[in-house]
Amino acid sequence: MLNLEDVREIKEVKIGTSVKKKIWEQLCALLNEFKNVFAWSYNDMSGLDTNIVQHKLPLKPDYPSIL
C-alpha cells in the first residue's frame, strides 16, 4: 500500500504485489504527482450534479435484502 498523504491523514492506494520494483516506483511517483485529482470523500466532489453521476448497486429485485 502507498499512503499519498502524511501521517496525520491517511490516503492509501493499493498496488498489486506482482508489479516489478521499477514499475512500482514509477507508479508511486505518478500517483503522488497527481494525488490532487482523487476524490477521497463526497466533500471532495462538492457541486457534483447527481443528474450526471450517481452511485448505484445493481441489485436483483427478486432477491430479499439481508439486514
N, C-alpha and C. Protein backbone atom coordinates (compact mmCIF):
# COMPACT_ATOMS: atom_id res chain seq x y z
N MET A 1 0.84 -1.19 0.00
CA MET A 1 0.00 0.00 0.00
C MET A 1 0.88 1.25 0.00
N LEU A 2 0.33 2.28 -0.54
CA LEU A 2 1.03 3.56 -0.63
C LEU A 2 0.14 4.62 -0.01
N ASN A 3 0.68 5.38 0.93
CA ASN A 3 -0.05 6.49 1.53
C ASN A 3 0.30 7.76 0.78
N LEU A 4 -0.70 8.41 0.20
CA LEU A 4 -0.47 9.63 -0.58
C LEU A 4 -0.50 10.89 0.25
N GLU A 5 -0.62 10.76 1.55
CA GLU A 5 -0.58 11.92 2.45
C GLU A 5 0.43 11.66 3.54
N ASP A 6 0.44 12.51 4.55
CA ASP A 6 1.37 12.32 5.65
C ASP A 6 0.71 11.51 6.76
N VAL A 7 1.37 11.38 7.87
CA VAL A 7 0.87 10.54 8.96
C VAL A 7 -0.39 11.09 9.60
N ARG A 8 -0.65 12.38 9.45
CA ARG A 8 -1.85 12.98 10.05
C ARG A 8 -3.12 12.58 9.32
N GLU A 9 -3.01 12.36 8.02
CA GLU A 9 -4.17 12.00 7.22
C GLU A 9 -3.77 10.86 6.27
N ILE A 10 -4.43 9.73 6.41
CA ILE A 10 -4.07 8.56 5.61
C ILE A 10 -4.95 8.50 4.36
N LYS A 11 -4.30 8.44 3.22
CA LYS A 11 -4.98 8.28 1.93
C LYS A 11 -4.23 7.18 1.19
N GLU A 12 -4.67 5.95 1.40
CA GLU A 12 -3.95 4.80 0.88
C GLU A 12 -4.50 4.31 -0.45
N VAL A 13 -3.59 3.87 -1.29
CA VAL A 13 -3.94 3.18 -2.53
C VAL A 13 -3.21 1.84 -2.52
N LYS A 14 -3.84 0.85 -3.11
CA LYS A 14 -3.24 -0.49 -3.17
C LYS A 14 -2.66 -0.72 -4.55
N ILE A 15 -1.47 -1.28 -4.56
CA ILE A 15 -0.79 -1.62 -5.80
C ILE A 15 -0.53 -3.12 -5.76
N GLY A 16 -0.81 -3.80 -6.85
CA GLY A 16 -0.65 -5.25 -6.90
C GLY A 16 0.75 -5.71 -6.50
N THR A 17 0.81 -6.85 -5.86
CA THR A 17 2.09 -7.37 -5.37
C THR A 17 2.96 -7.93 -6.49
N SER A 18 2.40 -8.17 -7.67
CA SER A 18 3.19 -8.73 -8.77
C SER A 18 3.89 -7.64 -9.60
N VAL A 19 3.69 -6.39 -9.25
CA VAL A 19 4.31 -5.28 -10.00
C VAL A 19 5.81 -5.25 -9.70
N LYS A 20 6.60 -5.17 -10.76
CA LYS A 20 8.06 -5.12 -10.58
C LYS A 20 8.47 -3.83 -9.88
N LYS A 21 9.59 -3.89 -9.16
CA LYS A 21 10.03 -2.78 -8.32
C LYS A 21 10.15 -1.46 -9.10
N LYS A 22 10.76 -1.49 -10.27
CA LYS A 22 10.95 -0.28 -11.08
C LYS A 22 9.60 0.33 -11.46
N ILE A 23 8.65 -0.51 -11.90
CA ILE A 23 7.32 -0.04 -12.26
C ILE A 23 6.61 0.49 -11.01
N TRP A 24 6.76 -0.21 -9.87
CA TRP A 24 6.15 0.22 -8.61
C TRP A 24 6.63 1.62 -8.23
N GLU A 25 7.92 1.85 -8.36
CA GLU A 25 8.48 3.16 -8.03
C GLU A 25 7.95 4.25 -8.96
N GLN A 26 7.87 3.95 -10.26
CA GLN A 26 7.35 4.91 -11.22
C GLN A 26 5.87 5.19 -10.96
N LEU A 27 5.12 4.15 -10.65
CA LEU A 27 3.69 4.31 -10.36
C LEU A 27 3.48 5.14 -9.10
N CYS A 28 4.27 4.90 -8.08
CA CYS A 28 4.19 5.68 -6.84
C CYS A 28 4.47 7.16 -7.13
N ALA A 29 5.48 7.43 -7.94
CA ALA A 29 5.81 8.81 -8.28
C ALA A 29 4.66 9.46 -9.04
N LEU A 30 4.08 8.73 -9.98
CA LEU A 30 2.96 9.26 -10.77
C LEU A 30 1.75 9.54 -9.88
N LEU A 31 1.40 8.59 -9.00
CA LEU A 31 0.26 8.77 -8.10
C LEU A 31 0.48 9.95 -7.16
N ASN A 32 1.70 10.11 -6.65
CA ASN A 32 1.99 11.25 -5.78
C ASN A 32 1.91 12.57 -6.54
N GLU A 33 2.35 12.56 -7.79
CA GLU A 33 2.31 13.79 -8.60
C GLU A 33 0.87 14.25 -8.85
N PHE A 34 -0.03 13.29 -9.05
CA PHE A 34 -1.41 13.63 -9.39
C PHE A 34 -2.40 13.30 -8.28
N LYS A 35 -1.95 13.25 -7.03
CA LYS A 35 -2.83 12.88 -5.92
C LYS A 35 -3.96 13.88 -5.70
N ASN A 36 -3.83 15.09 -6.21
CA ASN A 36 -4.88 16.09 -6.03
C ASN A 36 -6.10 15.84 -6.92
N VAL A 37 -6.03 14.90 -7.86
CA VAL A 37 -7.18 14.63 -8.73
C VAL A 37 -8.10 13.56 -8.16
N PHE A 38 -7.69 12.87 -7.09
CA PHE A 38 -8.51 11.82 -6.48
C PHE A 38 -9.56 12.43 -5.56
N ALA A 39 -10.73 11.83 -5.55
CA ALA A 39 -11.77 12.23 -4.59
C ALA A 39 -11.76 11.20 -3.47
N TRP A 40 -11.46 11.64 -2.28
CA TRP A 40 -11.37 10.74 -1.13
C TRP A 40 -12.67 10.71 -0.35
N SER A 41 -13.50 11.69 -0.54
CA SER A 41 -14.80 11.73 0.15
C SER A 41 -15.77 12.52 -0.72
N TYR A 42 -17.05 12.48 -0.36
CA TYR A 42 -18.04 13.24 -1.11
C TYR A 42 -17.75 14.74 -1.04
N ASN A 43 -17.19 15.19 0.07
CA ASN A 43 -16.84 16.61 0.21
C ASN A 43 -15.83 17.06 -0.84
N ASP A 44 -15.03 16.13 -1.33
CA ASP A 44 -14.07 16.45 -2.38
C ASP A 44 -14.75 16.64 -3.73
N MET A 45 -16.03 16.31 -3.80
CA MET A 45 -16.77 16.39 -5.07
C MET A 45 -17.94 17.36 -4.96
N SER A 46 -17.77 18.41 -4.18
CA SER A 46 -18.87 19.35 -4.00
C SER A 46 -19.29 19.94 -5.33
N GLY A 47 -20.58 20.12 -5.48
CA GLY A 47 -21.10 20.65 -6.73
C GLY A 47 -21.35 19.59 -7.78
N LEU A 48 -21.11 18.33 -7.44
CA LEU A 48 -21.32 17.24 -8.38
C LEU A 48 -22.81 17.09 -8.66
N ASP A 49 -23.19 17.19 -9.90
CA ASP A 49 -24.59 17.10 -10.29
C ASP A 49 -25.02 15.64 -10.32
N THR A 50 -25.96 15.26 -9.46
CA THR A 50 -26.41 13.86 -9.40
C THR A 50 -27.22 13.45 -10.62
N ASN A 51 -27.57 14.40 -11.47
CA ASN A 51 -28.20 14.04 -12.74
C ASN A 51 -27.18 13.47 -13.72
N ILE A 52 -25.92 13.74 -13.45
CA ILE A 52 -24.85 13.25 -14.32
C ILE A 52 -24.23 11.97 -13.75
N VAL A 53 -23.96 11.97 -12.46
CA VAL A 53 -23.27 10.86 -11.83
C VAL A 53 -24.03 10.40 -10.59
N GLN A 54 -24.27 9.11 -10.50
CA GLN A 54 -24.88 8.51 -9.32
C GLN A 54 -24.24 7.17 -9.06
N HIS A 55 -24.09 6.83 -7.79
CA HIS A 55 -23.59 5.52 -7.41
C HIS A 55 -24.79 4.61 -7.20
N LYS A 56 -24.80 3.48 -7.88
CA LYS A 56 -25.90 2.54 -7.74
C LYS A 56 -25.35 1.14 -7.56
N LEU A 57 -26.04 0.35 -6.78
CA LEU A 57 -25.72 -1.06 -6.63
C LEU A 57 -26.70 -1.85 -7.49
N PRO A 58 -26.22 -2.63 -8.43
CA PRO A 58 -27.12 -3.38 -9.31
C PRO A 58 -27.69 -4.60 -8.59
N LEU A 59 -28.78 -4.39 -7.87
CA LEU A 59 -29.42 -5.46 -7.11
C LEU A 59 -30.55 -6.08 -7.92
N LYS A 60 -30.69 -7.39 -7.75
CA LYS A 60 -31.78 -8.07 -8.42
C LYS A 60 -33.05 -7.92 -7.60
N PRO A 61 -34.14 -7.45 -8.19
CA PRO A 61 -35.36 -7.18 -7.43
C PRO A 61 -36.00 -8.43 -6.82
N ASP A 62 -35.69 -9.61 -7.33
CA ASP A 62 -36.29 -10.83 -6.81
C ASP A 62 -35.60 -11.36 -5.55
N TYR A 63 -34.47 -10.77 -5.18
CA TYR A 63 -33.73 -11.24 -4.03
C TYR A 63 -34.02 -10.34 -2.82
N PRO A 64 -34.29 -10.93 -1.66
CA PRO A 64 -34.60 -10.11 -0.47
C PRO A 64 -33.33 -9.46 0.10
N SER A 65 -33.51 -8.32 0.72
CA SER A 65 -32.40 -7.65 1.41
C SER A 65 -32.08 -8.39 2.68
N ILE A 66 -30.81 -8.43 3.04
CA ILE A 66 -30.37 -9.06 4.28
C ILE A 66 -29.85 -7.95 5.18
N LEU A 67 -30.48 -7.80 6.34
CA LEU A 67 -30.07 -6.76 7.26
C LEU A 67 -29.34 -7.33 8.45
